[in-house]
Protein backbone atom coordinates (compact mmCIF):
# COMPACT_ATOMS: atom_id res chain seq x y z
CA MET A 1 -1.92 16.91 -16.79
CA ASP A 2 -0.07 14.27 -18.73
CA ARG A 3 2.00 11.26 -17.69
CA GLN A 4 5.30 13.14 -17.78
CA ARG A 5 4.04 15.95 -15.54
CA VAL A 6 2.58 13.44 -13.10
CA ALA A 7 5.84 11.46 -13.05
CA ARG A 8 7.76 14.69 -12.32
CA TRP A 9 5.31 15.49 -9.49
CA VAL A 10 5.77 12.02 -7.97
CA SER A 11 9.57 12.44 -8.18
CA ALA A 12 9.29 15.85 -6.53
CA TYR A 13 7.17 14.29 -3.76
CA GLU A 14 9.90 11.71 -3.11
CA ARG A 15 12.60 14.41 -3.07
CA ALA A 16 10.51 16.44 -0.63
CA TRP A 17 10.13 13.41 1.67
CA ARG A 18 13.94 13.12 1.67
CA THR A 19 14.39 16.86 2.40
CA PRO A 20 14.47 18.24 5.96
CA GLY A 21 11.51 20.44 6.84
CA THR A 22 8.29 20.93 4.97
CA GLU A 23 9.01 23.93 2.76
CA PRO A 24 8.92 21.88 -0.49
CA LEU A 25 5.24 21.09 0.15
CA ALA A 26 4.15 24.52 -1.11
CA ALA A 27 5.41 23.60 -4.58
CA LEU A 28 3.55 20.26 -4.47
CA PHE A 29 0.19 21.15 -2.91
CA THR A 30 -2.21 24.07 -3.14
CA PRO A 31 -2.75 26.13 0.03
CA HIS A 32 -6.11 24.43 0.71
CA ALA A 33 -5.26 20.95 -0.56
CA THR A 34 -6.72 17.85 1.06
CA TYR A 35 -4.62 14.77 1.87
CA LEU A 36 -6.23 11.45 2.80
CA MET A 37 -3.91 8.76 4.19
CA SER A 38 -6.47 6.08 3.36
CA PRO A 39 -9.85 6.08 1.61
CA TYR A 40 -11.90 6.36 4.81
CA ALA A 41 -9.55 8.62 6.75
CA LYS A 42 -10.42 12.14 7.75
CA PRO A 43 -8.53 14.44 5.37
CA PHE A 44 -5.76 16.75 6.40
CA THR A 45 -6.80 20.08 4.92
CA GLY A 46 -4.42 22.90 4.05
CA LEU A 47 -0.64 23.11 3.87
CA ARG A 48 -0.22 23.62 7.62
CA ALA A 49 -2.13 20.41 8.45
CA ILE A 50 -0.37 18.46 5.69
CA ALA A 51 3.03 19.69 6.92
CA ALA A 52 2.26 18.65 10.52
CA MET A 53 1.14 15.19 9.34
CA TRP A 54 4.23 14.92 7.12
CA GLU A 55 6.56 15.53 10.06
CA ASP A 56 4.61 13.15 12.31
CA GLU A 57 4.63 10.32 9.76
CA ARG A 58 8.26 10.25 8.74
CA ASP A 59 11.19 9.33 10.95
CA GLY A 60 13.16 12.16 9.39
CA ALA A 61 14.50 13.14 6.01
CA GLU A 62 17.38 10.69 6.50
CA GLU A 63 15.27 7.54 6.79
CA ALA A 64 16.45 4.93 4.32
CA PHE A 65 13.94 3.73 1.74
CA THR A 66 13.55 2.92 -1.91
CA MET A 67 10.57 4.04 -3.92
CA THR A 68 9.35 3.04 -7.35
CA SER A 69 6.34 4.37 -9.19
CA GLU A 70 4.21 3.65 -12.21
CA ILE A 71 1.68 6.10 -13.59
CA LEU A 72 -1.42 4.01 -14.28
CA ALA A 73 -3.86 6.58 -15.63
CA VAL A 74 -4.22 10.27 -16.37
CA GLU A 75 -7.57 11.74 -17.33
CA GLY A 76 -7.95 15.51 -17.33
CA ASP A 77 -6.78 16.79 -13.95
CA THR A 78 -6.83 13.35 -12.28
CA ALA A 79 -4.01 10.81 -12.12
CA VAL A 80 -3.55 7.39 -10.53
CA ALA A 81 -0.14 5.93 -9.70
CA ARG A 82 1.12 2.71 -8.15
CA ILE A 83 3.85 3.41 -5.61
CA GLU A 84 6.04 0.81 -3.93
CA VAL A 85 8.11 1.82 -0.91
CA ALA A 86 10.51 -0.33 1.08
CA TYR A 87 11.86 1.13 4.32
CA GLN A 88 15.04 -0.33 5.75
CA ASP A 89 14.99 0.38 9.49
CA PRO A 90 12.67 -0.91 10.66
CA ALA A 91 12.04 -3.09 7.63
CA ARG A 92 8.56 -2.57 6.21
CA GLU A 93 7.07 -2.19 2.79
CA TYR A 94 3.98 -0.74 1.22
CA ARG A 95 2.26 -0.89 -2.13
CA ASP A 96 0.06 2.17 -2.57
CA LEU A 97 -2.34 3.54 -5.08
CA TRP A 98 -2.27 7.32 -5.19
CA ILE A 99 -5.19 9.28 -6.59
CA MET A 100 -4.22 12.86 -7.32
CA ARG A 101 -6.22 15.80 -8.62
CA PHE A 102 -4.20 18.72 -9.93
CA THR A 103 -4.68 22.40 -10.66
CA PRO A 104 -3.53 23.85 -13.99
CA ASP A 105 -0.23 24.97 -12.41
CA GLY A 106 0.64 21.34 -11.60
CA ARG A 107 0.06 21.43 -7.85
CA CYS A 108 -2.09 18.81 -6.20
CA ARG A 109 -5.42 19.93 -4.75
CA GLU A 110 -6.65 16.49 -3.64
CA PHE A 111 -4.42 13.58 -2.66
CA GLU A 112 -5.69 10.19 -1.57
CA GLU A 113 -3.62 7.10 -0.92
CA TRP A 114 -4.66 3.48 -0.61
CA PRO A 115 -1.77 1.88 1.32
CA PHE A 116 -1.33 -1.87 1.52
CA SER A 117 1.35 -3.90 3.28
CA PRO A 118 2.10 -7.58 2.74
CA PRO A 119 0.15 -10.09 4.83
CA LYS A 120 2.01 -11.35 7.85
């Protein structure tokens, strides 16, 4: 992987989040990928489990948000990105670190996020 490929993957992830259904996930994740929503969370394993989580977590493909990203590091098949997301209704924001491990075809086999929200 290189920074450009990782940036394209992150952009594809955002497009998929904005797309109804979960069909785009097969282009993003391997069939047996793991997805951790936080460092100590139990992983969702496999596309079916990731798709179910995806639909449970989002309000729908129409939810209004902005997302920015910065690729922080790429070493071999592993990348780290800083993601900032601001949802509009209800208003909430997150600053995440994403750790991604990719296969040679550019799909993610391990995804882990470290989400943080501002102190109240």
